[in-house]
Amino acid sequence: MEPITLTTARLTLRTLTEADVDPVYQACQDPEIRRWTTVPSPYRRADAEHFVNRICEDGWREGTEFTFGAVDTAGYGALVAVIGLSMRGTRTGEVGFWTARQYRGRGLMTEAVRAVAGWAFTEIPVDRVIWRAEVGNTASRATALRVGFVPEGVERAGLLNNGVRRDCWVAALLPSDLGLPSTDPYLPAPTTTANRTPAPPAERGEPARQRPHAARERPDGSAPPHIRPHHDHQNP
């Protein structure tokens, strides 16, 4: 896909260029960005060059990841943030972002995420945009909620950051959340107690009962196959 430019009330969202290498490098010296996102740490200028000249260019060309640099139109074209949308399966994208320290607290990222999501819903198109952030990243969570993302819970070990798996919050935004139509019809489940996962007996105040299959455990203590359980970037 050819890179495109989006505009909002205060921002121009465009592809990153060689001129953005130094601003990206400087922004990623912020320990908060390195703590809450998956950028390399320490972050070298070579990392910024690789990100701008390889990762971003390849993502647009291959249609796998669409990265925008957010430029403050009232601030002499300064790069204030980076936001990316990565494709995650059929008509699903995942948003990730960071904002340079000096530009936080002004609602700029909320504006940028809403613009990128609206573009994704109408032009790619996708029917679902997910947001994930490590549990504890309250600033990123606040941005997602202001955009309209609906929390869906916690993914255990959902993020891999510097070789360590961490739990992450997950939320999703649908076209209807922005007043837009979906490409495919969406039939939400009825909101009734019948489709909620029941709590364990102990949490309901009921005595725990013996599992009906307990007597069928194998001599080595493993459960038969039919009763084994089974089981799936960010800054403000």
Protein backbone atom coordinates (compact mmCIF):
# COMPACT_ATOMS: atom_id res chain seq x y z
CA MET A 1 0.00 0.00 0.00
CA GLU A 2 1.20 3.50 -0.78
CA PRO A 3 1.71 5.68 2.32
CA ILE A 4 -1.02 8.24 2.92
CA THR A 5 -1.37 11.41 4.99
CA LEU A 6 -4.14 12.06 7.52
CA THR A 7 -5.01 15.37 9.13
CA THR A 8 -6.78 16.27 12.37
CA ALA A 9 -7.53 19.57 14.06
CA ARG A 10 -3.97 19.84 15.40
CA LEU A 11 -1.92 17.14 13.70
CA THR A 12 -0.64 15.91 10.38
CA LEU A 13 -0.10 12.15 10.33
CA ARG A 14 2.39 11.15 7.66
CA THR A 15 4.96 8.49 6.90
CA LEU A 16 8.33 8.81 8.62
CA THR A 17 11.33 10.03 6.63
CA GLU A 18 15.09 10.24 7.09
CA ALA A 19 14.59 13.65 8.73
CA ASP A 20 12.71 11.91 11.55
CA VAL A 21 15.60 9.66 12.59
CA ASP A 22 17.05 12.13 15.09
CA PRO A 23 13.67 13.11 16.63
CA VAL A 24 12.78 9.42 17.02
CA TYR A 25 16.17 8.69 18.56
CA GLN A 26 15.88 11.61 21.01
CA ALA A 27 12.31 10.73 22.02
CA CYS A 28 13.24 7.11 22.73
CA GLN A 29 15.91 8.14 25.23
CA ASP A 30 12.98 8.73 27.58
CA PRO A 31 13.03 5.89 30.14
CA GLU A 32 9.22 5.85 30.21
CA ILE A 33 9.06 4.93 26.52
CA ARG A 34 11.66 2.21 26.97
CA ARG A 35 9.85 0.91 30.07
CA TRP A 36 6.37 0.62 28.62
CA THR A 37 6.99 -0.19 24.95
CA THR A 38 9.01 -2.84 23.17
CA VAL A 39 11.61 -0.48 21.67
CA PRO A 40 15.20 -1.66 22.19
CA SER A 41 16.86 -0.62 25.44
CA PRO A 42 19.31 1.03 25.33
CA TYR A 43 18.05 2.81 22.22
CA ARG A 44 20.79 3.70 19.73
CA ARG A 45 20.68 5.96 16.71
CA ALA A 46 21.10 2.84 14.57
CA ASP A 47 17.83 1.55 16.06
CA ALA A 48 16.06 4.72 14.93
CA GLU A 49 17.56 4.40 11.45
CA HIS A 50 16.43 0.78 11.18
CA PHE A 51 12.94 1.66 12.40
CA VAL A 52 12.45 4.55 9.98
CA ASN A 53 14.23 3.17 6.92
CA ARG A 54 13.39 -0.53 7.15
CA ILE A 55 10.53 -1.39 9.50
CA CYS A 56 8.27 1.50 8.50
CA GLU A 57 9.00 1.27 4.78
CA ASP A 58 8.63 -2.52 4.68
CA GLY A 59 5.38 -2.37 6.64
CA TRP A 60 3.71 -0.01 4.18
CA ARG A 61 5.03 -1.86 1.13
CA GLU A 62 3.92 -5.26 2.40
CA GLY A 63 0.64 -4.05 3.90
CA THR A 64 1.48 -5.52 7.30
CA GLU A 65 2.12 -2.44 9.43
CA PHE A 66 1.14 1.18 8.84
CA THR A 67 3.26 3.67 10.79
CA PHE A 68 2.58 7.39 11.04
CA GLY A 69 4.62 10.23 12.45
CA ALA A 70 2.36 12.76 14.15
CA VAL A 71 3.46 16.32 13.40
CA ASP A 72 2.17 19.28 15.40
CA THR A 73 0.84 21.64 12.73
CA ALA A 74 1.00 24.57 15.16
CA GLY A 75 4.51 23.74 16.35
CA TYR A 76 6.68 24.33 13.26
CA GLY A 77 6.33 20.74 12.07
CA ALA A 78 7.82 19.09 15.15
CA LEU A 79 7.45 15.31 15.41
CA VAL A 80 5.41 14.79 18.57
CA ALA A 81 4.48 11.11 18.42
CA VAL A 82 4.53 7.86 16.47
CA ILE A 83 1.52 5.63 15.98
CA GLY A 84 1.35 2.30 14.17
CA LEU A 85 -1.35 -0.13 13.11
CA SER A 86 -0.22 -3.76 12.72
CA MET A 87 -2.39 -6.31 10.95
CA ARG A 88 -3.39 -9.21 13.21
CA GLY A 89 -5.43 -11.65 11.14
CA THR A 90 -8.66 -11.28 9.21
CA ARG A 91 -9.84 -7.66 9.27
CA THR A 92 -8.17 -7.02 12.62
CA GLY A 93 -5.48 -4.48 13.44
CA GLU A 94 -3.56 -3.66 16.60
CA VAL A 95 -2.64 -0.09 17.48
CA GLY A 96 0.55 0.92 19.28
CA PHE A 97 1.94 4.36 20.03
CA TRP A 98 4.23 6.64 21.99
CA THR A 99 4.33 10.40 22.55
CA ALA A 100 7.47 12.46 23.13
CA ARG A 101 7.63 13.57 26.75
CA GLN A 102 7.25 17.32 26.13
CA TYR A 103 4.01 16.84 24.20
CA ARG A 104 2.10 14.68 26.67
CA GLY A 105 -1.00 15.76 28.55
CA ARG A 106 -2.55 17.67 25.63
CA GLY A 107 -4.80 14.95 24.19
CA LEU A 108 -2.78 14.75 20.97
CA MET A 109 -2.52 10.97 20.99
CA THR A 110 -6.26 10.58 21.53
CA GLU A 111 -6.73 12.67 18.39
CA ALA A 112 -4.19 10.63 16.45
CA VAL A 113 -5.52 7.20 17.44
CA ARG A 114 -9.07 8.18 16.56
CA ALA A 115 -7.93 9.37 13.12
CA VAL A 116 -5.91 6.23 12.37
CA ALA A 117 -8.72 3.96 13.56
CA GLY A 118 -11.26 5.80 11.41
CA TRP A 119 -8.98 5.46 8.40
CA ALA A 120 -8.46 1.75 9.09
CA PHE A 121 -12.20 1.09 9.35
CA THR A 122 -13.02 2.86 6.11
CA GLU A 123 -9.99 2.33 3.87
CA ILE A 124 -8.13 -0.91 4.67
CA PRO A 125 -10.77 -1.97 5.84
CA VAL A 126 -10.72 -3.65 9.25
CA ASP A 127 -13.65 -4.49 11.50
CA ARG A 128 -11.78 -4.52 14.79
CA VAL A 129 -8.84 -2.58 16.23
CA ILE A 130 -7.30 -3.90 19.41
CA TRP A 131 -5.15 -2.08 21.94
CA ARG A 132 -2.83 -3.82 24.39
CA ALA A 133 -0.56 -2.42 27.07
CA GLU A 134 1.30 -3.89 29.99
CA VAL A 135 -0.76 -3.88 33.17
CA GLY A 136 0.18 -0.69 34.99
CA ASN A 137 0.51 1.54 31.92
CA THR A 138 -2.34 3.76 33.06
CA ALA A 139 -1.52 6.64 30.69
CA SER A 140 -1.89 4.44 27.60
CA ARG A 141 -5.06 2.93 29.04
CA ALA A 142 -6.52 6.40 29.60
CA THR A 143 -5.84 7.30 25.97
CA ALA A 144 -7.54 4.13 24.72
CA LEU A 145 -10.60 4.74 26.88
CA ARG A 146 -10.91 8.35 25.69
CA VAL A 147 -10.87 7.14 22.09
CA GLY A 148 -13.70 4.70 22.88
CA PHE A 149 -11.96 1.34 23.24
CA VAL A 150 -13.94 -1.13 25.34
CA PRO A 151 -11.89 -3.12 27.90
CA GLU A 152 -11.97 -6.88 27.39
CA GLY A 153 -9.79 -8.09 30.26
CA VAL A 154 -6.22 -9.16 30.92
CA GLU A 155 -4.06 -11.42 28.75
CA ARG A 156 -1.71 -13.45 30.91
CA ALA A 157 1.84 -13.32 29.53
CA GLY A 158 0.40 -11.41 26.58
CA LEU A 159 3.42 -9.19 25.93
CA LEU A 160 7.08 -10.06 25.49
CA ASN A 161 9.27 -7.14 26.56
CA ASN A 162 13.06 -7.47 26.72
CA GLY A 163 12.86 -11.24 27.07
CA VAL A 164 10.23 -11.22 29.82
CA ARG A 165 6.57 -12.11 29.36
CA ARG A 166 4.17 -9.75 31.10
CA ASP A 167 0.42 -9.55 31.62
CA CYS A 168 -1.34 -6.94 29.52
CA TRP A 169 -4.64 -5.12 29.42
CA VAL A 170 -6.59 -5.58 26.20
CA ALA A 171 -9.42 -3.51 24.74
CA ALA A 172 -11.07 -3.27 21.34
CA LEU A 173 -12.64 -0.63 19.14
CA LEU A 174 -15.29 -1.47 16.53
CA PRO A 175 -16.49 0.69 13.63
CA SER A 176 -19.81 1.18 15.41
CA ASP A 177 -17.95 2.78 18.35
CA LEU A 178 -17.05 5.62 15.97
CA GLY A 179 -20.43 5.65 14.23
CA LEU A 180 -19.10 3.79 11.18
CA PRO A 181 -20.47 0.69 9.39
CA SER A 182 -18.70 -2.69 9.54
CA THR A 183 -17.53 -4.53 6.46
CA ASP A 184 -18.96 -7.77 7.84
CA PRO A 185 -22.19 -7.95 9.87
CA TYR A 186 -21.72 -8.06 13.64
CA LEU A 187 -24.12 -9.95 15.91
CA PRO A 188 -23.24 -9.26 19.56
CA ALA A 189 -24.13 -11.82 22.18
CA PRO A 190 -27.18 -10.93 24.29
CA THR A 191 -26.30 -9.43 27.65
CA THR A 192 -27.73 -12.04 29.98
CA THR A 193 -26.43 -14.06 32.89
CA ALA A 194 -26.74 -17.16 30.72
CA ASN A 195 -23.68 -16.31 28.63
CA ARG A 196 -21.40 -15.37 31.51
CA THR A 197 -18.73 -17.76 32.72
CA PRO A 198 -19.86 -19.07 36.12
CA ALA A 199 -17.64 -18.43 39.10
CA PRO A 200 -16.01 -21.42 40.84
CA PRO A 201 -18.16 -22.93 43.63
CA ALA A 202 -15.95 -21.53 46.37
CA GLU A 203 -16.45 -17.98 45.05
CA ARG A 204 -20.22 -18.49 45.03
CA GLY A 205 -20.19 -19.64 48.62
CA GLU A 206 -20.99 -23.22 47.64
CA PRO A 207 -19.12 -26.29 48.90
CA ALA A 208 -16.62 -27.66 46.41
CA ARG A 209 -17.76 -30.91 44.85
CA GLN A 210 -15.61 -33.78 43.69
CA ARG A 211 -14.86 -33.60 39.97
CA PRO A 212 -16.88 -36.24 38.14
CA HIS A 213 -13.75 -37.37 36.30
CA ALA A 214 -11.48 -37.47 39.35
CA ALA A 215 -11.73 -41.25 39.66
CA ARG A 216 -10.64 -41.66 36.05
CA GLU A 217 -7.20 -40.13 36.43
CA ARG A 218 -4.39 -42.24 35.05
CA PRO A 219 -1.88 -44.02 37.29
CA ASP A 220 0.72 -41.33 36.56
CA GLY A 221 -1.66 -38.63 37.82
CA SER A 222 -2.37 -37.09 34.39
CA ALA A 223 -5.89 -36.39 33.23
CA PRO A 224 -7.45 -38.17 30.26
CA PRO A 225 -7.27 -36.08 27.06
CA HIS A 226 -10.95 -35.16 27.09
CA ILE A 227 -10.69 -33.29 30.40
CA ARG A 228 -7.33 -31.51 30.01
CA PRO A 229 -7.52 -27.70 30.01
CA HIS A 230 -6.24 -25.86 26.94
CA HIS A 231 -5.31 -22.31 25.99
CA ASP A 232 -2.93 -16.81 22.50
CA HIS A 233 3.15 -1.32 22.04
CA GLN A 234 1.97 1.29 24.97
CA ASN A 235 2.89 4.60 25.97
CA PRO A 236 0.80 7.81 26.21
